[in-house]
Every structure is written in C-alpha cells, then in structure tokens.
Amino acid sequence: MTDAPPDPIAELRAVMHRLRAPGGCPWDAEQTHESLIPHLIEEAYEVAEAARSGDRAHFCEELGDLLLQPVFHAEIAAESGGFTLDDIARGITAKLIRRHPHVFGDATAATSDAVLTQWEAIKRTEKGDQPQPYLHGISKGLPSLMRAQKLQKKAAKVGFDWPDMAPVVDKIREETAEVLEAVALGNNDAIREEIGDLLFSVVNLARKLGVDAETALAEANSKFEDRFGKVEQRLTAGVKALHEHTLAEMDAAWNSVKEVKKAG
C-alpha cells in the first residue's frame, strides 16, 4: 500500500503550530489577535489587487497569504482553549447550508435577487427576537466606498431608492454646489461633511449604473499611477528634475500620455 498523500491544510496547521511552539519563531509567538488585524486587512487588499491583475500564479500566492490568517488566529485561540480551525470550518459550513434552503432544503429562489432577499431574512431570524435596525450588520470595518454601496443597496431593497439615474445626477450637482458654498464660507467642518455627502452621492450613481465603486476607484488609482509614471519618465529624461517643471509642462506631458493611450 502506498501512503496517503499529505493533507495540505493539515501541513499548514502543523507548520503554524511549530512556529508558535517553544523554540519556534519569536515573532510568530508574540502575535495576538489584535496585532494581526493590520496584516489581515493588508492581505485581503493584496488578494483583491492580485485578482484584478489576471496573474493566476500571483493570485494563488496571495490567497495563500490570506489563508494563513484564519489558521494563525485559530492557533492562537486554540492555545487558550478557545475555538479551532475545525470549529471555523464547521461554523461556516453550517451557515452556508442554513442560508441556502433553496439548495439544501425545500425553499425556492430562482434569481440572485431572490437569493439575497432570502439570505437577509434568514440572517435577521438568526439574530433572535431582539429587534435590530434594518441596516444593522453592515460592518463598520469595510472600506468606506464599499460600505456606502452596501448601505444604499440594502436600503433600496425596501424601496428607499430613486427610480432612475436622473435624480441621482441632480443630487451630485446639488452636493457639489454645497461643497463650493462651504469652501466660500471657509468652514472646514462643513467642507468635510459636504465632501462626504458628495462622495456618497457618487457611490449612489455608481450603484445605479451597476458599477462597483471600490473597484472603479482602485482602477482609477492604478490608471493615475501608471500615467503619472509615464509623465515622470518624459519630464526627467532631460536635465530638469520632476519638481523643477511647471504645471503647464506637466499638464502637456499628461495630455500627451493620454493621447498615446487613446491611439493605442
């Protein structure tokens, strides 16, 4: 008989256990649930970036880095008699089965919208009889653009939504005017508040057009970074440093880069 192939997840757990054990890695041994939070957030963003890149090998690698995080947290919890990785897996498996009665039970949900409505109803039932605000449960730890879109989408499910795009565009114009009014008054608190309202309205427009606001801004960031890099290459090819060029020269280089992109 040949030996059974190793279980990759079991190997990962064994490595993590060794790193945390006496004689293991001092850095790993010092970590806590709280100290790992920045790493968890960073790894999630790196996974998102890798997913957009289309590089499958890089995507796989970054997913591995993200997978390490629940394994790490489970190891820390298990050391104090808390939960284990098996508990995490059992919990999410049970939740998936419970919230998909149209697959694992007798319920019917023929469309994605029906599935999401059913999911929310089940989720609210699971929280018990204690009443909660309708928008309760949308994590405050989400990136602000993503959370704004989720809040708006959930509110729209009960009819709190404009019927089409036109009033959303009007609202953006209104909020833009209010930003300028706050600027004219020199009121910094009002400026911040009005810019927040403007951003929230732009997210609403993205949602109405079926665009994910977080992804759209991430793509805009990448586009700006790429174009500015090309501007830098053009302007620093001579004797002058980047900061020695005028805004007019930078604008000209920027527009030239844009035209090359369009022609391509």
C-alpha atoms as a PDB file:
ATOM      1  CA  MET A   1       0.000   0.000   0.000  1.00  0.00           C
ATOM      2  CA  THR A   2       1.165   3.494  -0.769  1.00  0.00           C
ATOM      3  CA  ASP A   3       0.999   6.195   1.843  1.00  0.00           C
ATOM      4  CA  ALA A   4      -1.913   8.598   1.518  1.00  0.00           C
ATOM      5  CA  PRO A   5      -0.891  11.958   0.073  1.00  0.00           C
ATOM      6  CA  PRO A   6      -0.300  14.615   2.714  1.00  0.00           C
ATOM      7  CA  ASP A   7      -3.201  16.881   3.621  1.00  0.00           C
ATOM      8  CA  PRO A   8      -2.052  20.414   2.660  1.00  0.00           C
ATOM      9  CA  ILE A   9      -4.278  22.066   5.272  1.00  0.00           C
ATOM     10  CA  ALA A  10      -3.024  19.700   7.984  1.00  0.00           C
ATOM     11  CA  GLU A  11       0.553  20.519   6.971  1.00  0.00           C
ATOM     12  CA  LEU A  12      -0.180  24.243   7.175  1.00  0.00           C
ATOM     13  CA  ARG A  13      -1.669  23.828  10.640  1.00  0.00           C
ATOM     14  CA  ALA A  14       1.363  21.786  11.758  1.00  0.00           C
ATOM     15  CA  VAL A  15       3.762  24.464  10.494  1.00  0.00           C
ATOM     16  CA  MET A  16       1.802  27.194  12.266  1.00  0.00           C
ATOM     17  CA  HIS A  17       1.772  25.146  15.465  1.00  0.00           C
ATOM     18  CA  ARG A  18       5.548  24.679  15.248  1.00  0.00           C
ATOM     19  CA  LEU A  19       6.115  28.385  14.700  1.00  0.00           C
ATOM     20  CA  ARG A  20       4.116  29.254  17.830  1.00  0.00           C
ATOM     21  CA  ALA A  21       5.558  26.451  19.990  1.00  0.00           C
ATOM     22  CA  PRO A  22       8.557  26.869  22.357  1.00  0.00           C
ATOM     23  CA  GLY A  23      11.717  27.010  20.281  1.00  0.00           C
ATOM     24  CA  GLY A  24       9.774  28.274  17.294  1.00  0.00           C
ATOM     25  CA  CYS A  25       9.733  31.766  15.798  1.00  0.00           C
ATOM     26  CA  PRO A  26       9.860  34.649  18.328  1.00  0.00           C
ATOM     27  CA  TRP A  27       7.844  36.962  16.062  1.00  0.00           C
ATOM     28  CA  ASP A  28       5.066  34.431  15.458  1.00  0.00           C
ATOM     29  CA  ALA A  29       4.973  33.533  19.160  1.00  0.00           C
ATOM     30  CA  GLU A  30       4.462  37.188  20.148  1.00  0.00           C
ATOM     31  CA  GLN A  31       1.449  37.802  17.923  1.00  0.00           C
ATOM     32  CA  THR A  32      -2.088  38.258  19.256  1.00  0.00           C
ATOM     33  CA  HIS A  33      -5.482  38.520  17.603  1.00  0.00           C
ATOM     34  CA  GLU A  34      -5.209  42.309  17.850  1.00  0.00           C
ATOM     35  CA  SER A  35      -1.662  42.574  16.498  1.00  0.00           C
ATOM     36  CA  LEU A  36      -2.618  40.537  13.422  1.00  0.00           C
ATOM     37  CA  ILE A  37      -5.513  42.794  12.390  1.00  0.00           C
ATOM     38  CA  PRO A  38      -3.379  45.077  10.151  1.00  0.00           C
ATOM     39  CA  HIS A  39      -1.894  42.012   8.439  1.00  0.00           C
ATOM     40  CA  LEU A  40      -5.349  40.552   7.825  1.00  0.00           C
ATOM     41  CA  ILE A  41      -6.561  43.775   6.217  1.00  0.00           C
ATOM     42  CA  GLU A  42      -3.394  44.167   4.144  1.00  0.00           C
ATOM     43  CA  GLU A  43      -3.552  40.585   2.874  1.00  0.00           C
ATOM     44  CA  ALA A  44      -7.200  40.998   1.859  1.00  0.00           C
ATOM     45  CA  TYR A  45      -6.328  44.082  -0.193  1.00  0.00           C
ATOM     46  CA  GLU A  46      -3.386  42.300  -1.808  1.00  0.00           C
ATOM     47  CA  VAL A  47      -5.680  39.437  -2.795  1.00  0.00           C
ATOM     48  CA  ALA A  48      -8.050  41.931  -4.418  1.00  0.00           C
ATOM     49  CA  GLU A  49      -5.175  43.530  -6.333  1.00  0.00           C
ATOM     50  CA  ALA A  50      -3.924  40.120  -7.495  1.00  0.00           C
ATOM     51  CA  ALA A  51      -7.428  39.124  -8.612  1.00  0.00           C
ATOM     52  CA  ARG A  52      -7.626  42.227 -10.801  1.00  0.00           C
ATOM     53  CA  SER A  53      -4.172  41.619 -12.266  1.00  0.00           C
ATOM     54  CA  GLY A  54      -5.158  38.430 -14.082  1.00  0.00           C
ATOM     55  CA  ASP A  55      -1.912  36.781 -12.944  1.00  0.00           C
ATOM     56  CA  ARG A  56      -3.115  33.392 -11.702  1.00  0.00           C
ATOM     57  CA  ALA A  57       0.148  32.420 -10.033  1.00  0.00           C
ATOM     58  CA  HIS A  58       0.276  35.700  -8.116  1.00  0.00           C
ATOM     59  CA  PHE A  59      -3.407  35.380  -7.229  1.00  0.00           C
ATOM     60  CA  CYS A  60      -2.815  31.875  -5.856  1.00  0.00           C
ATOM     61  CA  GLU A  61       0.138  33.087  -3.807  1.00  0.00           C
ATOM     62  CA  GLU A  62      -1.805  35.987  -2.295  1.00  0.00           C
ATOM     63  CA  LEU A  63      -4.751  33.725  -1.461  1.00  0.00           C
ATOM     64  CA  GLY A  64      -2.260  31.554   0.413  1.00  0.00           C
ATOM     65  CA  ASP A  65      -1.096  34.562   2.421  1.00  0.00           C
ATOM     66  CA  LEU A  66      -4.723  35.344   3.244  1.00  0.00           C
ATOM     67  CA  LEU A  67      -5.456  31.709   4.157  1.00  0.00           C
ATOM     68  CA  LEU A  68      -2.658  31.889   6.705  1.00  0.00           C
ATOM     69  CA  GLN A  69      -4.577  34.497   8.686  1.00  0.00           C
ATOM     70  CA  PRO A  70      -7.507  32.300   9.894  1.00  0.00           C
ATOM     71  CA  VAL A  71      -5.031  29.467  10.518  1.00  0.00           C
ATOM     72  CA  PHE A  72      -2.922  31.848  12.628  1.00  0.00           C
ATOM     73  CA  HIS A  73      -5.950  33.135  14.565  1.00  0.00           C
ATOM     74  CA  ALA A  74      -7.246  29.590  15.127  1.00  0.00           C
ATOM     75  CA  GLU A  75      -3.860  28.518  16.520  1.00  0.00           C
ATOM     76  CA  ILE A  76      -3.824  31.452  18.949  1.00  0.00           C
ATOM     77  CA  ALA A  77      -7.403  30.740  20.038  1.00  0.00           C
ATOM     78  CA  ALA A  78      -6.777  27.020  20.491  1.00  0.00           C
ATOM     79  CA  GLU A  79      -3.852  27.707  22.818  1.00  0.00           C
ATOM     80  CA  SER A  80      -6.241  29.249  25.361  1.00  0.00           C
ATOM     81  CA  GLY A  81      -8.962  26.650  24.923  1.00  0.00           C
ATOM     82  CA  GLY A  82     -10.988  28.751  22.500  1.00  0.00           C
ATOM     83  CA  PHE A  83     -12.001  27.753  19.004  1.00  0.00           C
ATOM     84  CA  THR A  84     -10.032  25.750  16.440  1.00  0.00           C
ATOM     85  CA  LEU A  85      -9.761  25.784  12.667  1.00  0.00           C
ATOM     86  CA  ASP A  86     -12.208  22.865  12.618  1.00  0.00           C
ATOM     87  CA  ASP A  87     -14.686  24.981  14.581  1.00  0.00           C
ATOM     88  CA  ILE A  88     -14.334  27.758  12.000  1.00  0.00           C
ATOM     89  CA  ALA A  89     -14.917  25.308   9.139  1.00  0.00           C
ATOM     90  CA  ARG A  90     -17.874  23.650  10.836  1.00  0.00           C
ATOM     91  CA  GLY A  91     -19.444  27.032  11.588  1.00  0.00           C
ATOM     92  CA  ILE A  92     -19.239  28.379   8.051  1.00  0.00           C
ATOM     93  CA  THR A  93     -20.382  25.057   6.565  1.00  0.00           C
ATOM     94  CA  ALA A  94     -23.470  25.042   8.784  1.00  0.00           C
ATOM     95  CA  LYS A  95     -24.162  28.686   7.930  1.00  0.00           C
ATOM     96  CA  LEU A  96     -23.945  28.044   4.176  1.00  0.00           C
ATOM     97  CA  ILE A  97     -26.360  25.128   4.423  1.00  0.00           C
ATOM     98  CA  ARG A  98     -28.740  27.081   6.680  1.00  0.00           C
ATOM     99  CA  ARG A  99     -28.779  30.132   4.417  1.00  0.00           C
ATOM    100  CA  HIS A 100     -29.249  28.162   1.184  1.00  0.00           C
ATOM    101  CA  PRO A 101     -32.550  26.362   1.829  1.00  0.00           C
ATOM    102  CA  HIS A 102     -33.273  26.580  -1.916  1.00  0.00           C
ATOM    103  CA  VAL A 103     -30.307  24.227  -2.429  1.00  0.00           C
ATOM    104  CA  PHE A 104     -30.270  22.103   0.720  1.00  0.00           C
ATOM    105  CA  GLY A 105     -33.973  22.322   1.616  1.00  0.00           C
ATOM    106  CA  ASP A 106     -37.409  22.845   0.130  1.00  0.00           C
ATOM    107  CA  ALA A 107     -37.354  26.621  -0.400  1.00  0.00           C
ATOM    108  CA  THR A 108     -37.403  28.244  -3.826  1.00  0.00           C
ATOM    109  CA  ALA A 109     -35.184  31.098  -5.035  1.00  0.00           C
ATOM    110  CA  ALA A 110     -34.864  31.257  -8.805  1.00  0.00           C
ATOM    111  CA  THR A 111     -32.928  34.519  -9.137  1.00  0.00           C
ATOM    112  CA  SER A 112     -29.937  36.166  -7.485  1.00  0.00           C
ATOM    113  CA  ASP A 113     -32.198  38.884  -6.058  1.00  0.00           C
ATOM    114  CA  ALA A 114     -34.469  36.256  -4.521  1.00  0.00           C
ATOM    115  CA  VAL A 115     -31.451  34.511  -3.012  1.00  0.00           C
ATOM    116  CA  LEU A 116     -30.181  37.744  -1.448  1.00  0.00           C
ATOM    117  CA  THR A 117     -33.613  38.631  -0.055  1.00  0.00           C
ATOM    118  CA  GLN A 118     -33.928  35.161   1.455  1.00  0.00           C
ATOM    119  CA  TRP A 119     -30.378  35.395   2.846  1.00  0.00           C
ATOM    120  CA  GLU A 120     -31.170  38.663   4.630  1.00  0.00           C
ATOM    121  CA  ALA A 121     -34.413  37.273   6.057  1.00  0.00           C
ATOM    122  CA  ILE A 122     -32.640  34.190   7.416  1.00  0.00           C
ATOM    123  CA  LYS A 123     -29.810  36.329   8.772  1.00  0.00           C
ATOM    124  CA  ARG A 124     -32.238  38.543  10.684  1.00  0.00           C
ATOM    125  CA  THR A 125     -34.023  35.469  12.086  1.00  0.00           C
ATOM    126  CA  GLU A 126     -30.708  34.044  13.300  1.00  0.00           C
ATOM    127  CA  LYS A 127     -30.081  37.119  15.427  1.00  0.00           C
ATOM    128  CA  GLY A 128     -33.020  36.232  17.660  1.00  0.00           C
ATOM    129  CA  ASP A 129     -36.117  38.156  18.673  1.00  0.00           C
ATOM    130  CA  GLN A 130     -34.285  41.274  19.811  1.00  0.00           C
ATOM    131  CA  PRO A 131     -35.115  43.981  17.252  1.00  0.00           C
ATOM    132  CA  GLN A 132     -32.218  45.464  15.339  1.00  0.00           C
ATOM    133  CA  PRO A 133     -32.120  48.452  12.988  1.00  0.00           C
ATOM    134  CA  TYR A 134     -32.675  47.413   9.383  1.00  0.00           C
ATOM    135  CA  LEU A 135     -29.147  48.430   8.348  1.00  0.00           C
ATOM    136  CA  HIS A 136     -27.592  46.661  11.323  1.00  0.00           C
ATOM    137  CA  GLY A 137     -24.952  44.123  10.341  1.00  0.00           C
ATOM    138  CA  ILE A 138     -23.176  46.036   7.580  1.00  0.00           C
ATOM    139  CA  SER A 139     -19.699  46.066   9.035  1.00  0.00           C
ATOM    140  CA  LYS A 140     -18.168  49.386  10.013  1.00  0.00           C
ATOM    141  CA  GLY A 141     -14.782  47.833   9.241  1.00  0.00           C
ATOM    142  CA  LEU A 142     -15.422  47.863   5.486  1.00  0.00           C
ATOM    143  CA  PRO A 143     -13.727  50.425   3.227  1.00  0.00           C
ATOM    144  CA  SER A 144     -15.959  53.489   3.142  1.00  0.00           C
ATOM    145  CA  LEU A 145     -16.869  53.266  -0.553  1.00  0.00           C
ATOM    146  CA  MET A 146     -17.805  49.612  -0.216  1.00  0.00           C
ATOM    147  CA  ARG A 147     -19.842  50.240   2.937  1.00  0.00           C
ATOM    148  CA  ALA A 148     -21.678  53.157   1.317  1.00  0.00           C
ATOM    149  CA  GLN A 149     -22.674  50.963  -1.596  1.00  0.00           C
ATOM    150  CA  LYS A 150     -23.839  48.158   0.709  1.00  0.00           C
ATOM    151  CA  LEU A 151     -25.878  50.572   2.841  1.00  0.00           C
ATOM    152  CA  GLN A 152     -27.552  52.030  -0.247  1.00  0.00           C
ATOM    153  CA  LYS A 153     -28.218  48.615  -1.769  1.00  0.00           C
ATOM    154  CA  LYS A 154     -29.838  47.305   1.397  1.00  0.00           C
ATOM    155  CA  ALA A 155     -31.975  50.455   1.787  1.00  0.00           C
ATOM    156  CA  ALA A 156     -33.073  50.067  -1.844  1.00  0.00           C
ATOM    157  CA  LYS A 157     -34.491  46.610  -1.057  1.00  0.00           C
ATOM    158  CA  VAL A 158     -37.260  48.218   0.979  1.00  0.00           C
ATOM    159  CA  GLY A 159     -37.947  50.868  -1.663  1.00  0.00           C
ATOM    160  CA  PHE A 160     -35.717  53.687  -0.374  1.00  0.00           C
ATOM    161  CA  ASP A 161     -34.182  54.452  -3.745  1.00  0.00           C
ATOM    162  CA  TRP A 162     -34.636  56.766  -6.716  1.00  0.00           C
ATOM    163  CA  PRO A 163     -36.346  55.103  -9.676  1.00  0.00           C
ATOM    164  CA  ASP A 164     -33.674  56.041 -12.216  1.00  0.00           C
ATOM    165  CA  MET A 165     -30.343  57.808 -12.690  1.00  0.00           C
ATOM    166  CA  ALA A 166     -31.574  61.375 -13.355  1.00  0.00           C
ATOM    167  CA  PRO A 167     -32.312  62.420  -9.737  1.00  0.00           C
ATOM    168  CA  VAL A 168     -29.006  60.873  -8.658  1.00  0.00           C
ATOM    169  CA  VAL A 169     -27.153  63.124 -11.094  1.00  0.00           C
ATOM    170  CA  ASP A 170     -29.178  66.100  -9.830  1.00  0.00           C
ATOM    171  CA  LYS A 171     -28.164  65.187  -6.287  1.00  0.00           C
ATOM    172  CA  ILE A 172     -24.479  65.131  -7.284  1.00  0.00           C
ATOM    173  CA  ARG A 173     -24.849  68.640  -8.734  1.00  0.00           C
ATOM    174  CA  GLU A 174     -26.601  69.769  -5.540  1.00  0.00           C
ATOM    175  CA  GLU A 175     -23.892  68.310  -3.309  1.00  0.00           C
ATOM    176  CA  THR A 176     -21.149  69.849  -5.482  1.00  0.00           C
ATOM    177  CA  ALA A 177     -22.751  73.276  -5.055  1.00  0.00           C
ATOM    178  CA  GLU A 178     -22.915  72.747  -1.288  1.00  0.00           C
ATOM    179  CA  VAL A 179     -19.199  71.872  -1.201  1.00  0.00           C
ATOM    180  CA  LEU A 180     -18.388  75.120  -3.020  1.00  0.00           C
ATOM    181  CA  GLU A 181     -20.644  77.066  -0.650  1.00  0.00           C
ATOM    182  CA  ALA A 182     -18.837  75.585   2.359  1.00  0.00           C
ATOM    183  CA  VAL A 183     -15.487  76.439   0.760  1.00  0.00           C
ATOM    184  CA  ALA A 184     -16.619  80.046   0.219  1.00  0.00           C
ATOM    185  CA  LEU A 185     -17.543  80.267   3.904  1.00  0.00           C
ATOM    186  CA  GLY A 186     -14.190  78.802   4.935  1.00  0.00           C
ATOM    187  CA  ASN A 187     -15.903  76.321   7.250  1.00  0.00           C
ATOM    188  CA  ASN A 188     -13.603  73.281   7.426  1.00  0.00           C
ATOM    189  CA  ASP A 189     -16.103  71.080   9.290  1.00  0.00           C
ATOM    190  CA  ALA A 190     -18.798  71.838   6.726  1.00  0.00           C
ATOM    191  CA  ILE A 191     -16.357  71.232   3.857  1.00  0.00           C
ATOM    192  CA  ARG A 192     -15.552  67.779   5.199  1.00  0.00           C
ATOM    193  CA  GLU A 193     -19.235  66.971   5.722  1.00  0.00           C
ATOM    194  CA  GLU A 194     -20.271  68.179   2.273  1.00  0.00           C
ATOM    195  CA  ILE A 195     -17.451  66.317   0.528  1.00  0.00           C
ATOM    196  CA  GLY A 196     -18.634  63.194   2.351  1.00  0.00           C
ATOM    197  CA  ASP A 197     -22.169  63.788   1.060  1.00  0.00           C
ATOM    198  CA  LEU A 198     -20.803  64.304  -2.459  1.00  0.00           C
ATOM    199  CA  LEU A 199     -18.819  61.076  -2.341  1.00  0.00           C
ATOM    200  CA  PHE A 200     -21.868  59.217  -1.023  1.00  0.00           C
ATOM    201  CA  SER A 201     -23.900  60.554  -3.954  1.00  0.00           C
ATOM    202  CA  VAL A 202     -21.245  59.492  -6.472  1.00  0.00           C
ATOM    203  CA  VAL A 203     -21.293  55.999  -4.957  1.00  0.00           C
ATOM    204  CA  ASN A 204     -25.063  56.021  -5.463  1.00  0.00           C
ATOM    205  CA  LEU A 205     -24.564  56.848  -9.132  1.00  0.00           C
ATOM    206  CA  ALA A 206     -22.085  54.002  -9.483  1.00  0.00           C
ATOM    207  CA  ARG A 207     -24.584  51.617  -7.872  1.00  0.00           C
ATOM    208  CA  LYS A 208     -27.399  52.750 -10.194  1.00  0.00           C
ATOM    209  CA  LEU A 209     -25.128  52.088 -13.173  1.00  0.00           C
ATOM    210  CA  GLY A 210     -24.129  48.647 -11.910  1.00  0.00           C
ATOM    211  CA  VAL A 211     -20.549  49.695 -11.167  1.00  0.00           C
ATOM    212  CA  ASP A 212     -18.704  48.631  -8.012  1.00  0.00           C
ATOM    213  CA  ALA A 213     -17.436  51.923  -6.572  1.00  0.00           C
ATOM    214  CA  GLU A 214     -14.484  50.387  -4.711  1.00  0.00           C
ATOM    215  CA  THR A 215     -13.258  48.613  -7.853  1.00  0.00           C
ATOM    216  CA  ALA A 216     -13.788  51.683 -10.016  1.00  0.00           C
ATOM    217  CA  LEU A 217     -11.701  53.857  -7.686  1.00  0.00           C
ATOM    218  CA  ALA A 218      -8.999  51.182  -7.450  1.00  0.00           C
ATOM    219  CA  GLU A 219      -8.794  51.117 -11.245  1.00  0.00           C
ATOM    220  CA  ALA A 220      -8.683  54.921 -11.355  1.00  0.00           C
ATOM    221  CA  ASN A 221      -5.837  54.880  -8.819  1.00  0.00           C
ATOM    222  CA  SER A 222      -3.892  52.406 -10.958  1.00  0.00           C
ATOM    223  CA  LYS A 223      -4.527  54.455 -14.100  1.00  0.00           C
ATOM    224  CA  PHE A 224      -3.329  57.651 -12.402  1.00  0.00           C
ATOM    225  CA  GLU A 225      -0.222  55.922 -11.052  1.00  0.00           C
ATOM    226  CA  ASP A 226       0.628  54.499 -14.478  1.00  0.00           C
ATOM    227  CA  ARG A 227       0.092  57.775 -16.338  1.00  0.00           C
ATOM    228  CA  PHE A 228       1.961  59.844 -13.775  1.00  0.00           C
ATOM    229  CA  GLY A 229       4.862  57.390 -14.050  1.00  0.00           C
ATOM    230  CA  LYS A 230       4.964  57.962 -17.810  1.00  0.00           C
ATOM    231  CA  VAL A 231       4.827  61.730 -17.265  1.00  0.00           C
ATOM    232  CA  GLU A 232       7.765  61.413 -14.891  1.00  0.00           C
ATOM    233  CA  GLN A 233       9.738  59.413 -17.462  1.00  0.00           C
ATOM    234  CA  ARG A 234       9.163  62.049 -20.132  1.00  0.00           C
ATOM    235  CA  LEU A 235       9.993  65.034 -17.960  1.00  0.00           C
ATOM    236  CA  THR A 236      13.070  63.592 -16.251  1.00  0.00           C
ATOM    237  CA  ALA A 237      14.670  62.357 -19.470  1.00  0.00           C
ATOM    238  CA  GLY A 238      16.483  65.700 -19.716  1.00  0.00           C
ATOM    239  CA  VAL A 239      18.398  67.736 -17.172  1.00  0.00           C
ATOM    240  CA  LYS A 240      15.493  69.030 -15.071  1.00  0.00           C
ATOM    241  CA  ALA A 241      14.112  67.142 -12.071  1.00  0.00           C
ATOM    242  CA  LEU A 242      10.377  66.468 -11.904  1.00  0.00           C
ATOM    243  CA  HIS A 243       9.662  69.220  -9.352  1.00  0.00           C
ATOM    244  CA  GLU A 244      11.506  71.778 -11.495  1.00  0.00           C
ATOM    245  CA  HIS A 245       8.885  71.562 -14.247  1.00  0.00           C
ATOM    246  CA  THR A 246       5.932  73.933 -14.335  1.00  0.00           C
ATOM    247  CA  LEU A 247       2.346  72.768 -14.010  1.00  0.00           C
ATOM    248  CA  ALA A 248       1.813  73.690 -17.661  1.00  0.00           C
ATOM    249  CA  GLU A 249       4.679  71.382 -18.671  1.00  0.00           C
ATOM    250  CA  MET A 250       3.273  68.583 -16.526  1.00  0.00           C
ATOM    251  CA  ASP A 251      -0.202  69.070 -17.995  1.00  0.00           C
ATOM    252  CA  ALA A 252       1.204  68.957 -21.523  1.00  0.00           C
ATOM    253  CA  ALA A 253       3.059  65.734 -20.784  1.00  0.00           C
ATOM    254  CA  TRP A 254      -0.058  64.277 -19.132  1.00  0.00           C
ATOM    255  CA  ASN A 255      -2.238  65.073 -22.155  1.00  0.00           C
ATOM    256  CA  SER A 256       0.394  63.617 -24.457  1.00  0.00           C
ATOM    257  CA  VAL A 257       0.415  60.383 -22.486  1.00  0.00           C
ATOM    258  CA  LYS A 258      -3.395  60.261 -22.652  1.00  0.00           C
ATOM    259  CA  GLU A 259      -3.349  60.713 -26.438  1.00  0.00           C
ATOM    260  CA  VAL A 260      -0.825  57.874 -26.833  1.00  0.00           C
ATOM    261  CA  LYS A 261      -3.100  55.672 -24.724  1.00  0.00           C
ATOM    262  CA  LYS A 262      -6.137  56.531 -26.867  1.00  0.00           C
ATOM    263  CA  ALA A 263      -4.211  55.898 -30.078  1.00  0.00           C
ATOM    264  CA  GLY A 264      -3.112  52.507 -28.734  1.00  0.00           C
END
